[in-house]
Amino acid sequence: MSHTAAAVNQATIQQWLQSKMEPAAIEQQLATQGLDEASIALHVQEYKRVRNAKKQLTGFVCMGIGAMLGFISCVTTLINPFPDLYYAILYGLTGLAIVVIFIGLYFVFE
């Protein structure tokens, strides 16, 4: 029984994401259901696209938070409202911003 024009079911994709299945296991599961190679490739491609989209969203959120921390650090350093905390803000908050940005870059480019 071969289903050549099987549509990708988004509910099934979400179930695979929740169970964190590997693409090889998905291929094997779909092959046992009787789908042809083109449908299996389409399902796996859609699964990878949705999985990577979630990672990219996390990455862009981290980069945005890091950019805001960096901006706050820059402005606070220039205004210098707390002279005792000048070096903590200059090096601490800026360093934290850079780390958060690089974590975001990792998620985007993984």
PDB file of N, CA and C in Angstrom:
ATOM      1  N   MET A   1       0.849  -1.173   0.000  1.00  0.00           N
ATOM      2  CA  MET A   1       0.000   0.000   0.000  1.00  0.00           C
ATOM      3  C   MET A   1       0.891   1.231   0.000  1.00  0.00           C
ATOM      4  N   SER A   2       0.949   1.913  -1.111  1.00  0.00           N
ATOM      5  CA  SER A   2       1.813   3.069  -1.261  1.00  0.00           C
ATOM      6  C   SER A   2       0.974   4.329  -1.383  1.00  0.00           C
ATOM      7  N   HIS A   3       1.294   5.334  -0.549  1.00  0.00           N
ATOM      8  CA  HIS A   3       0.608   6.625  -0.581  1.00  0.00           C
ATOM      9  C   HIS A   3       1.550   7.625  -1.231  1.00  0.00           C
ATOM     10  N   THR A   4       1.331   7.912  -2.502  1.00  0.00           N
ATOM     11  CA  THR A   4       2.260   8.794  -3.202  1.00  0.00           C
ATOM     12  C   THR A   4       2.006  10.264  -2.909  1.00  0.00           C
ATOM     13  N   ALA A   5       0.779  10.646  -2.658  1.00  0.00           N
ATOM     14  CA  ALA A   5       0.465  12.061  -2.452  1.00  0.00           C
ATOM     15  C   ALA A   5       0.066  12.317  -1.001  1.00  0.00           C
ATOM     16  N   ALA A   6       0.788  11.732  -0.088  1.00  0.00           N
ATOM     17  CA  ALA A   6       0.459  11.916   1.326  1.00  0.00           C
ATOM     18  C   ALA A   6       0.841  13.325   1.761  1.00  0.00           C
ATOM     19  N   ALA A   7      -0.098  13.998   2.382  1.00  0.00           N
ATOM     20  CA  ALA A   7       0.159  15.350   2.883  1.00  0.00           C
ATOM     21  C   ALA A   7       0.860  15.252   4.236  1.00  0.00           C
ATOM     22  N   VAL A   8       1.655  16.249   4.524  1.00  0.00           N
ATOM     23  CA  VAL A   8       2.382  16.271   5.788  1.00  0.00           C
ATOM     24  C   VAL A   8       1.398  16.694   6.880  1.00  0.00           C
ATOM     25  N   ASN A   9       1.264  15.858   7.885  1.00  0.00           N
ATOM     26  CA  ASN A   9       0.350  16.124   8.990  1.00  0.00           C
ATOM     27  C   ASN A   9       1.107  16.876  10.077  1.00  0.00           C
ATOM     28  N   GLN A  10       0.672  18.108  10.369  1.00  0.00           N
ATOM     29  CA  GLN A  10       1.377  18.939  11.348  1.00  0.00           C
ATOM     30  C   GLN A  10       1.246  18.394  12.766  1.00  0.00           C
ATOM     31  N   ALA A  11       0.145  17.723  13.060  1.00  0.00           N
ATOM     32  CA  ALA A  11      -0.016  17.133  14.392  1.00  0.00           C
ATOM     33  C   ALA A  11       1.016  16.030  14.616  1.00  0.00           C
ATOM     34  N   THR A  12       1.271  15.258  13.578  1.00  0.00           N
ATOM     35  CA  THR A  12       2.282  14.206  13.680  1.00  0.00           C
ATOM     36  C   THR A  12       3.670  14.814  13.850  1.00  0.00           C
ATOM     37  N   ILE A  13       3.938  15.896  13.140  1.00  0.00           N
ATOM     38  CA  ILE A  13       5.231  16.587  13.265  1.00  0.00           C
ATOM     39  C   ILE A  13       5.416  17.067  14.706  1.00  0.00           C
ATOM     40  N   GLN A  14       4.366  17.631  15.288  1.00  0.00           N
ATOM     41  CA  GLN A  14       4.451  18.113  16.668  1.00  0.00           C
ATOM     42  C   GLN A  14       4.675  16.965  17.653  1.00  0.00           C
ATOM     43  N   GLN A  15       4.070  15.825  17.397  1.00  0.00           N
ATOM     44  CA  GLN A  15       4.310  14.653  18.250  1.00  0.00           C
ATOM     45  C   GLN A  15       5.760  14.211  18.166  1.00  0.00           C
ATOM     46  N   TRP A  16       6.319  14.229  16.967  1.00  0.00           N
ATOM     47  CA  TRP A  16       7.724  13.850  16.798  1.00  0.00           C
ATOM     48  C   TRP A  16       8.631  14.842  17.516  1.00  0.00           C
ATOM     49  N   LEU A  17       8.283  16.124  17.466  1.00  0.00           N
ATOM     50  CA  LEU A  17       9.081  17.132  18.160  1.00  0.00           C
ATOM     51  C   LEU A  17       9.032  16.936  19.671  1.00  0.00           C
ATOM     52  N   GLN A  18       7.862  16.611  20.195  1.00  0.00           N
ATOM     53  CA  GLN A  18       7.730  16.402  21.639  1.00  0.00           C
ATOM     54  C   GLN A  18       8.490  15.174  22.102  1.00  0.00           C
ATOM     55  N   SER A  19       8.506  14.130  21.280  1.00  0.00           N
ATOM     56  CA  SER A  19       9.234  12.915  21.660  1.00  0.00           C
ATOM     57  C   SER A  19      10.702  12.970  21.254  1.00  0.00           C
ATOM     58  N   LYS A  20      11.101  14.063  20.570  1.00  0.00           N
ATOM     59  CA  LYS A  20      12.494  14.293  20.162  1.00  0.00           C
ATOM     60  C   LYS A  20      13.054  13.117  19.363  1.00  0.00           C
ATOM     61  N   MET A  21      12.304  12.711  18.356  1.00  0.00           N
ATOM     62  CA  MET A  21      12.714  11.589  17.513  1.00  0.00           C
ATOM     63  C   MET A  21      13.822  12.016  16.562  1.00  0.00           C
ATOM     64  N   GLU A  22      14.681  11.083  16.235  1.00  0.00           N
ATOM     65  CA  GLU A  22      15.733  11.308  15.249  1.00  0.00           C
ATOM     66  C   GLU A  22      15.154  11.099  13.844  1.00  0.00           C
ATOM     67  N   PRO A  23      15.713  11.771  12.839  1.00  0.00           N
ATOM     68  CA  PRO A  23      15.200  11.599  11.475  1.00  0.00           C
ATOM     69  C   PRO A  23      15.261  10.150  10.976  1.00  0.00           C
ATOM     70  N   ALA A  24      16.261   9.397  11.391  1.00  0.00           N
ATOM     71  CA  ALA A  24      16.343   7.997  10.964  1.00  0.00           C
ATOM     72  C   ALA A  24      15.184   7.180  11.532  1.00  0.00           C
ATOM     73  N   ALA A  25      14.808   7.455  12.769  1.00  0.00           N
ATOM     74  CA  ALA A  25      13.680   6.746  13.376  1.00  0.00           C
ATOM     75  C   ALA A  25      12.375   7.135  12.697  1.00  0.00           C
ATOM     76  N   ILE A  26      12.269   8.388  12.292  1.00  0.00           N
ATOM     77  CA  ILE A  26      11.074   8.841  11.585  1.00  0.00           C
ATOM     78  C   ILE A  26      10.979   8.150  10.233  1.00  0.00           C
ATOM     79  N   GLU A  27      12.095   8.073   9.527  1.00  0.00           N
ATOM     80  CA  GLU A  27      12.111   7.377   8.230  1.00  0.00           C
ATOM     81  C   GLU A  27      11.678   5.935   8.389  1.00  0.00           C
ATOM     82  N   GLN A  28      12.198   5.277   9.406  1.00  0.00           N
ATOM     83  CA  GLN A  28      11.854   3.875   9.641  1.00  0.00           C
ATOM     84  C   GLN A  28      10.377   3.723   9.969  1.00  0.00           C
ATOM     85  N   GLN A  29       9.848   4.619  10.791  1.00  0.00           N
ATOM     86  CA  GLN A  29       8.429   4.557  11.163  1.00  0.00           C
ATOM     87  C   GLN A  29       7.539   4.769   9.941  1.00  0.00           C
ATOM     88  N   LEU A  30       7.893   5.731   9.102  1.00  0.00           N
ATOM     89  CA  LEU A  30       7.087   6.000   7.910  1.00  0.00           C
ATOM     90  C   LEU A  30       7.194   4.872   6.894  1.00  0.00           C
ATOM     91  N   ALA A  31       8.356   4.236   6.816  1.00  0.00           N
ATOM     92  CA  ALA A  31       8.525   3.115   5.895  1.00  0.00           C
ATOM     93  C   ALA A  31       7.645   1.935   6.319  1.00  0.00           C
ATOM     94  N   THR A  32       7.510   1.723   7.628  1.00  0.00           N
ATOM     95  CA  THR A  32       6.655   0.634   8.101  1.00  0.00           C
ATOM     96  C   THR A  32       5.175   0.952   7.871  1.00  0.00           C
ATOM     97  N   GLN A  33       4.836   2.229   7.738  1.00  0.00           N
ATOM     98  CA  GLN A  33       3.459   2.616   7.436  1.00  0.00           C
ATOM     99  C   GLN A  33       3.137   2.487   5.954  1.00  0.00           C
ATOM    100  N   GLY A  34       4.150   2.251   5.127  1.00  0.00           N
ATOM    101  CA  GLY A  34       3.933   2.013   3.707  1.00  0.00           C
ATOM    102  C   GLY A  34       4.043   3.241   2.828  1.00  0.00           C
ATOM    103  N   LEU A  35       4.662   4.301   3.306  1.00  0.00           N
ATOM    104  CA  LEU A  35       4.831   5.490   2.477  1.00  0.00           C
ATOM    105  C   LEU A  35       5.998   5.301   1.511  1.00  0.00           C
ATOM    106  N   ASP A  36       5.921   5.962   0.358  1.00  0.00           N
ATOM    107  CA  ASP A  36       7.015   5.870  -0.614  1.00  0.00           C
ATOM    108  C   ASP A  36       8.155   6.804  -0.217  1.00  0.00           C
ATOM    109  N   GLU A  37       9.252   6.708  -0.939  1.00  0.00           N
ATOM    110  CA  GLU A  37      10.473   7.454  -0.587  1.00  0.00           C
ATOM    111  C   GLU A  37      10.270   8.967  -0.674  1.00  0.00           C
ATOM    112  N   ALA A  38       9.513   9.411  -1.664  1.00  0.00           N
ATOM    113  CA  ALA A  38       9.297  10.856  -1.821  1.00  0.00           C
ATOM    114  C   ALA A  38       8.502  11.418  -0.639  1.00  0.00           C
ATOM    115  N   SER A  39       7.483  10.700  -0.195  1.00  0.00           N
ATOM    116  CA  SER A  39       6.690  11.157   0.950  1.00  0.00           C
ATOM    117  C   SER A  39       7.509  11.138   2.231  1.00  0.00           C
ATOM    118  N   ILE A  40       8.335  10.111   2.385  1.00  0.00           N
ATOM    119  CA  ILE A  40       9.191  10.026   3.572  1.00  0.00           C
ATOM    120  C   ILE A  40      10.155  11.208   3.593  1.00  0.00           C
ATOM    121  N   ALA A  41      10.759  11.503   2.455  1.00  0.00           N
ATOM    122  CA  ALA A  41      11.693  12.631   2.369  1.00  0.00           C
ATOM    123  C   ALA A  41      10.972  13.949   2.668  1.00  0.00           C
ATOM    124  N   LEU A  42       9.741  14.089   2.194  1.00  0.00           N
ATOM    125  CA  LEU A  42       8.965  15.300   2.442  1.00  0.00           C
ATOM    126  C   LEU A  42       8.664  15.455   3.933  1.00  0.00           C
ATOM    127  N   HIS A  43       8.267  14.363   4.587  1.00  0.00           N
ATOM    128  CA  HIS A  43       7.980  14.403   6.018  1.00  0.00           C
ATOM    129  C   HIS A  43       9.238  14.744   6.827  1.00  0.00           C
ATOM    130  N   VAL A  44      10.349  14.112   6.500  1.00  0.00           N
ATOM    131  CA  VAL A  44      11.591  14.365   7.237  1.00  0.00           C
ATOM    132  C   VAL A  44      12.064  15.798   7.015  1.00  0.00           C
ATOM    133  N   GLN A  45      11.927  16.285   5.793  1.00  0.00           N
ATOM    134  CA  GLN A  45      12.316  17.668   5.496  1.00  0.00           C
ATOM    135  C   GLN A  45      11.461  18.654   6.302  1.00  0.00           C
ATOM    136  N   GLU A  46      10.175  18.412   6.386  1.00  0.00           N
ATOM    137  CA  GLU A  46       9.286  19.290   7.155  1.00  0.00           C
ATOM    138  C   GLU A  46       9.614  19.228   8.642  1.00  0.00           C
ATOM    139  N   TYR A  47       9.917  18.027   9.139  1.00  0.00           N
ATOM    140  CA  TYR A  47      10.297  17.863  10.548  1.00  0.00           C
ATOM    141  C   TYR A  47      11.553  18.666  10.862  1.00  0.00           C
ATOM    142  N   LYS A  48      12.559  18.576  10.001  1.00  0.00           N
ATOM    143  CA  LYS A  48      13.801  19.322  10.213  1.00  0.00           C
ATOM    144  C   LYS A  48      13.562  20.828  10.134  1.00  0.00           C
ATOM    145  N   ARG A  49      12.692  21.253   9.214  1.00  0.00           N
ATOM    146  CA  ARG A  49      12.409  22.679   9.072  1.00  0.00           C
ATOM    147  C   ARG A  49      11.765  23.238  10.337  1.00  0.00           C
ATOM    148  N   VAL A  50      10.790  22.516  10.886  1.00  0.00           N
ATOM    149  CA  VAL A  50      10.098  22.993  12.092  1.00  0.00           C
ATOM    150  C   VAL A  50      11.046  22.969  13.283  1.00  0.00           C
ATOM    151  N   ARG A  51      11.854  21.908  13.396  1.00  0.00           N
ATOM    152  CA  ARG A  51      12.806  21.810  14.510  1.00  0.00           C
ATOM    153  C   ARG A  51      13.825  22.943  14.456  1.00  0.00           C
ATOM    154  N   ASN A  52      14.331  23.240  13.274  1.00  0.00           N
ATOM    155  CA  ASN A  52      15.318  24.308  13.143  1.00  0.00           C
ATOM    156  C   ASN A  52      14.693  25.689  13.323  1.00  0.00           C
ATOM    157  N   ALA A  53      13.432  25.837  12.967  1.00  0.00           N
ATOM    158  CA  ALA A  53      12.758  27.123  13.152  1.00  0.00           C
ATOM    159  C   ALA A  53      12.635  27.447  14.640  1.00  0.00           C
ATOM    160  N   LYS A  54      12.376  26.450  15.466  1.00  0.00           N
ATOM    161  CA  LYS A  54      12.293  26.682  16.909  1.00  0.00           C
ATOM    162  C   LYS A  54      13.651  27.094  17.468  1.00  0.00           C
ATOM    163  N   LYS A  55      14.717  26.459  16.979  1.00  0.00           N
ATOM    164  CA  LYS A  55      16.053  26.815  17.445  1.00  0.00           C
ATOM    165  C   LYS A  55      16.425  28.227  17.005  1.00  0.00           C
ATOM    166  N   GLN A  56      16.065  28.584  15.779  1.00  0.00           N
ATOM    167  CA  GLN A  56      16.387  29.918  15.291  1.00  0.00           C
ATOM    168  C   GLN A  56      15.634  30.987  16.061  1.00  0.00           C
ATOM    169  N   LEU A  57      14.390  30.734  16.406  1.00  0.00           N
ATOM    170  CA  LEU A  57      13.635  31.699  17.192  1.00  0.00           C
ATOM    171  C   LEU A  57      14.299  31.911  18.545  1.00  0.00           C
ATOM    172  N   THR A  58      14.723  30.828  19.185  1.00  0.00           N
ATOM    173  CA  THR A  58      15.435  30.940  20.458  1.00  0.00           C
ATOM    174  C   THR A  58      16.716  31.746  20.283  1.00  0.00           C
ATOM    175  N   GLY A  59      17.424  31.504  19.205  1.00  0.00           N
ATOM    176  CA  GLY A  59      18.659  32.230  18.938  1.00  0.00           C
ATOM    177  C   GLY A  59      18.443  33.717  18.735  1.00  0.00           C
ATOM    178  N   PHE A  60      17.417  34.070  17.975  1.00  0.00           N
ATOM    179  CA  PHE A  60      17.153  35.486  17.734  1.00  0.00           C
ATOM    180  C   PHE A  60      16.689  36.189  19.001  1.00  0.00           C
ATOM    181  N   VAL A  61      15.945  35.490  19.847  1.00  0.00           N
ATOM    182  CA  VAL A  61      15.533  36.085  21.125  1.00  0.00           C
ATOM    183  C   VAL A  61      16.764  36.328  22.000  1.00  0.00           C
ATOM    184  N   CYS A  62      17.669  35.353  22.060  1.00  0.00           N
ATOM    185  CA  CYS A  62      18.902  35.530  22.848  1.00  0.00           C
ATOM    186  C   CYS A  62      19.743  36.678  22.309  1.00  0.00           C
ATOM    187  N   MET A  63      19.854  36.784  20.992  1.00  0.00           N
ATOM    188  CA  MET A  63      20.636  37.878  20.424  1.00  0.00           C
ATOM    189  C   MET A  63      19.989  39.230  20.715  1.00  0.00           C
ATOM    190  N   GLY A  64      18.675  39.288  20.693  1.00  0.00           N
ATOM    191  CA  GLY A  64      17.988  40.534  21.020  1.00  0.00           C
ATOM    192  C   GLY A  64      18.199  40.938  22.464  1.00  0.00           C
ATOM    193  N   ILE A  65      18.123  39.960  23.370  1.00  0.00           N
ATOM    194  CA  ILE A  65      18.365  40.243  24.789  1.00  0.00           C
ATOM    195  C   ILE A  65      19.810  40.698  24.997  1.00  0.00           C
ATOM    196  N   GLY A  66      20.739  40.032  24.343  1.00  0.00           N
ATOM    197  CA  GLY A  66      22.145  40.416  24.452  1.00  0.00           C
ATOM    198  C   GLY A  66      22.401  41.808  23.899  1.00  0.00           C
ATOM    199  N   ALA A  67      21.738  42.143  22.800  1.00  0.00           N
ATOM    200  CA  ALA A  67      21.909  43.477  22.224  1.00  0.00           C
ATOM    201  C   ALA A  67      21.363  44.546  23.158  1.00  0.00           C
ATOM    202  N   MET A  68      20.227  44.266  23.774  1.00  0.00           N
ATOM    203  CA  MET A  68      19.669  45.238  24.727  1.00  0.00           C
ATOM    204  C   MET A  68      20.574  45.385  25.950  1.00  0.00           C
ATOM    205  N   LEU A  69      21.114  44.280  26.447  1.00  0.00           N
ATOM    206  CA  LEU A  69      22.061  44.365  27.573  1.00  0.00           C
ATOM    207  C   LEU A  69      23.290  45.177  27.188  1.00  0.00           C
ATOM    208  N   GLY A  70      23.790  44.973  25.988  1.00  0.00           N
ATOM    209  CA  GLY A  70      24.943  45.733  25.520  1.00  0.00           C
ATOM    210  C   GLY A  70      24.640  47.211  25.390  1.00  0.00           C
ATOM    211  N   PHE A  71      23.461  47.523  24.883  1.00  0.00           N
ATOM    212  CA  PHE A  71      23.064  48.929  24.762  1.00  0.00           C
ATOM    213  C   PHE A  71      22.929  49.568  26.138  1.00  0.00           C
ATOM    214  N   ILE A  72      22.281  48.861  27.056  1.00  0.00           N
ATOM    215  CA  ILE A  72      22.134  49.386  28.423  1.00  0.00           C
ATOM    216  C   ILE A  72      23.499  49.577  29.065  1.00  0.00           C
ATOM    217  N   SER A  73      24.397  48.640  28.837  1.00  0.00           N
ATOM    218  CA  SER A  73      25.751  48.748  29.378  1.00  0.00           C
ATOM    219  C   SER A  73      26.474  49.968  28.807  1.00  0.00           C
ATOM    220  N   CYS A  74      26.330  50.175  27.522  1.00  0.00           N
ATOM    221  CA  CYS A  74      26.987  51.305  26.869  1.00  0.00           C
ATOM    222  C   CYS A  74      26.453  52.633  27.397  1.00  0.00           C
ATOM    223  N   VAL A  75      25.147  52.756  27.443  1.00  0.00           N
ATOM    224  CA  VAL A  75      24.544  54.007  27.903  1.00  0.00           C
ATOM    225  C   VAL A  75      24.866  54.250  29.371  1.00  0.00           C
ATOM    226  N   THR A  76      24.770  53.213  30.180  1.00  0.00           N
ATOM    227  CA  THR A  76      25.054  53.362  31.606  1.00  0.00           C
ATOM    228  C   THR A  76      26.523  53.725  31.837  1.00  0.00           C
ATOM    229  N   THR A  77      27.404  53.180  31.046  1.00  0.00           N
ATOM    230  CA  THR A  77      28.819  53.518  31.180  1.00  0.00           C
ATOM    231  C   THR A  77      29.071  54.968  30.786  1.00  0.00           C
ATOM    232  N   LEU A  78      28.412  55.426  29.723  1.00  0.00           N
ATOM    233  CA  LEU A  78      28.611  56.805  29.283  1.00  0.00           C
ATOM    234  C   LEU A  78      28.006  57.816  30.256  1.00  0.00           C
ATOM    235  N   ILE A  79      26.841  57.511  30.801  1.00  0.00           N
ATOM    236  CA  ILE A  79      26.186  58.427  31.741  1.00  0.00           C
ATOM    237  C   ILE A  79      26.870  58.381  33.107  1.00  0.00           C
ATOM    238  N   ASN A  80      27.305  57.204  33.510  1.00  0.00           N
ATOM    239  CA  ASN A  80      27.994  56.966  34.779  1.00  0.00           C
ATOM    240  C   ASN A  80      27.171  57.423  35.986  1.00  0.00           C
ATOM    241  N   PRO A  81      25.944  56.874  36.154  1.00  0.00           N
ATOM    242  CA  PRO A  81      25.122  57.285  37.296  1.00  0.00           C
ATOM    243  C   PRO A  81      25.605  56.695  38.622  1.00  0.00           C
ATOM    244  N   PHE A  82      26.329  55.616  38.562  1.00  0.00           N
ATOM    245  CA  PHE A  82      26.848  54.956  39.765  1.00  0.00           C
ATOM    246  C   PHE A  82      28.370  54.855  39.645  1.00  0.00           C
ATOM    247  N   PRO A  83      29.102  55.866  40.088  1.00  0.00           N
ATOM    248  CA  PRO A  83      30.551  55.847  39.914  1.00  0.00           C
ATOM    249  C   PRO A  83      31.237  54.638  40.558  1.00  0.00           C
ATOM    250  N   ASP A  84      30.669  54.124  41.646  1.00  0.00           N
ATOM    251  CA  ASP A  84      31.284  52.972  42.297  1.00  0.00           C
ATOM    252  C   ASP A  84      31.140  51.698  41.467  1.00  0.00           C
ATOM    253  N   LEU A  85      30.127  51.648  40.622  1.00  0.00           N
ATOM    254  CA  LEU A  85      29.870  50.454  39.812  1.00  0.00           C
ATOM    255  C   LEU A  85      30.341  50.606  38.366  1.00  0.00           C
ATOM    256  N   TYR A  86      31.151  51.609  38.091  1.00  0.00           N
ATOM    257  CA  TYR A  86      31.575  51.884  36.718  1.00  0.00           C
ATOM    258  C   TYR A  86      32.222  50.667  36.068  1.00  0.00           C
ATOM    259  N   TYR A  87      33.206  50.076  36.719  1.00  0.00           N
ATOM    260  CA  TYR A  87      33.927  48.952  36.120  1.00  0.00           C
ATOM    261  C   TYR A  87      33.085  47.677  36.100  1.00  0.00           C
ATOM    262  N   ALA A  88      32.207  47.512  37.068  1.00  0.00           N
ATOM    263  CA  ALA A  88      31.318  46.349  37.064  1.00  0.00           C
ATOM    264  C   ALA A  88      30.363  46.415  35.874  1.00  0.00           C
ATOM    265  N   ILE A  89      29.861  47.606  35.600  1.00  0.00           N
ATOM    266  CA  ILE A  89      28.958  47.765  34.457  1.00  0.00           C
ATOM    267  C   ILE A  89      29.734  47.674  33.154  1.00  0.00           C
ATOM    268  N   LEU A  90      30.878  48.354  33.104  1.00  0.00           N
ATOM    269  CA  LEU A  90      31.662  48.374  31.870  1.00  0.00           C
ATOM    270  C   LEU A  90      32.117  46.978  31.464  1.00  0.00           C
ATOM    271  N   TYR A  91      32.661  46.226  32.377  1.00  0.00           N
ATOM    272  CA  TYR A  91      33.194  44.903  32.030  1.00  0.00           C
ATOM    273  C   TYR A  91      32.217  43.768  32.318  1.00  0.00           C
ATOM    274  N   GLY A  92      31.468  43.858  33.406  1.00  0.00           N
ATOM    275  CA  GLY A  92      30.558  42.778  33.775  1.00  0.00           C
ATOM    276  C   GLY A  92      29.342  42.684  32.877  1.00  0.00           C
ATOM    277  N   LEU A  93      28.623  43.783  32.741  1.00  0.00           N
ATOM    278  CA  LEU A  93      27.404  43.772  31.941  1.00  0.00           C
ATOM    279  C   LEU A  93      27.717  43.629  30.451  1.00  0.00           C
ATOM    280  N   THR A  94      28.792  44.251  30.005  1.00  0.00           N
ATOM    281  CA  THR A  94      29.199  44.101  28.607  1.00  0.00           C
ATOM    282  C   THR A  94      29.620  42.662  28.320  1.00  0.00           C
ATOM    283  N   GLY A  95      30.354  42.067  29.235  1.00  0.00           N
ATOM    284  CA  GLY A  95      30.751  40.657  29.061  1.00  0.00           C
ATOM    285  C   GLY A  95      29.545  39.737  29.039  1.00  0.00           C
ATOM    286  N   LEU A  96      28.582  39.990  29.917  1.00  0.00           N
ATOM    287  CA  LEU A  96      27.355  39.192  29.934  1.00  0.00           C
ATOM    288  C   LEU A  96      26.590  39.345  28.628  1.00  0.00           C
ATOM    289  N   ALA A  97      26.530  40.564  28.111  1.00  0.00           N
ATOM    290  CA  ALA A  97      25.841  40.806  26.840  1.00  0.00           C
ATOM    291  C   ALA A  97      26.507  40.033  25.702  1.00  0.00           C
ATOM    292  N   ILE A  98      27.820  40.031  25.681  1.00  0.00           N
ATOM    293  CA  ILE A  98      28.542  39.317  24.625  1.00  0.00           C
ATOM    294  C   ILE A  98      28.302  37.816  24.725  1.00  0.00           C
ATOM    295  N   VAL A  99      28.291  37.282  25.929  1.00  0.00           N
ATOM    296  CA  VAL A  99      28.038  35.847  26.115  1.00  0.00           C
ATOM    297  C   VAL A  99      26.637  35.481  25.642  1.00  0.00           C
ATOM    298  N   VAL A 100      25.633  36.293  25.991  1.00  0.00           N
ATOM    299  CA  VAL A 100      24.259  36.008  25.573  1.00  0.00           C
ATOM    300  C   VAL A 100      24.128  36.108  24.053  1.00  0.00           C
ATOM    301  N   ILE A 101      24.795  37.065  23.449  1.00  0.00           N
ATOM    302  CA  ILE A 101      24.769  37.187  21.984  1.00  0.00           C
ATOM    303  C   ILE A 101      25.392  35.960  21.337  1.00  0.00           C
ATOM    304  N   PHE A 102      26.503  35.487  21.858  1.00  0.00           N
ATOM    305  CA  PHE A 102      27.144  34.310  21.264  1.00  0.00           C
ATOM    306  C   PHE A 102      26.312  33.042  21.467  1.00  0.00           C
ATOM    307  N   ILE A 103      25.591  32.950  22.565  1.00  0.00           N
ATOM    308  CA  ILE A 103      24.673  31.813  22.748  1.00  0.00           C
ATOM    309  C   ILE A 103      23.585  31.875  21.676  1.00  0.00           C
ATOM    310  N   GLY A 104      23.070  33.063  21.424  1.00  0.00           N
ATOM    311  CA  GLY A 104      22.077  33.226  20.361  1.00  0.00           C
ATOM    312  C   GLY A 104      22.630  32.875  18.999  1.00  0.00           C
ATOM    313  N   LEU A 105      23.853  33.293  18.721  1.00  0.00           N
ATOM    314  CA  LEU A 105      24.486  32.940  17.446  1.00  0.00           C
ATOM    315  C   LEU A 105      24.665  31.431  17.308  1.00  0.00           C
ATOM    316  N   TYR A 106      24.967  30.770  18.410  1.00  0.00           N
ATOM    317  CA  TYR A 106      25.107  29.318  18.375  1.00  0.00           C
ATOM    318  C   TYR A 106      23.781  28.671  17.945  1.00  0.00           C
ATOM    319  N   PHE A 107      22.661  29.130  18.531  1.00  0.00           N
ATOM    320  CA  PHE A 107      21.376  28.554  18.172  1.00  0.00           C
ATOM    321  C   PHE A 107      20.991  28.857  16.738  1.00  0.00           C
ATOM    322  N   VAL A 108      21.315  30.034  16.253  1.00  0.00           N
ATOM    323  CA  VAL A 108      20.953  30.400  14.892  1.00  0.00           C
ATOM    324  C   VAL A 108      21.764  29.611  13.873  1.00  0.00           C
ATOM    325  N   PHE A 109      23.053  29.468  14.093  1.00  0.00           N
ATOM    326  CA  PHE A 109      23.923  28.838  13.100  1.00  0.00           C
ATOM    327  C   PHE A 109      24.181  27.364  13.319  1.00  0.00           C
ATOM    328  N   GLU A 110      23.539  26.768  14.324  1.00  0.00           N
ATOM    329  CA  GLU A 110      23.747  25.344  14.587  1.00  0.00           C
ATOM    330  C   GLU A 110      23.188  24.517  13.461  1.00  0.00           C
TER     331      GLU A 110
END
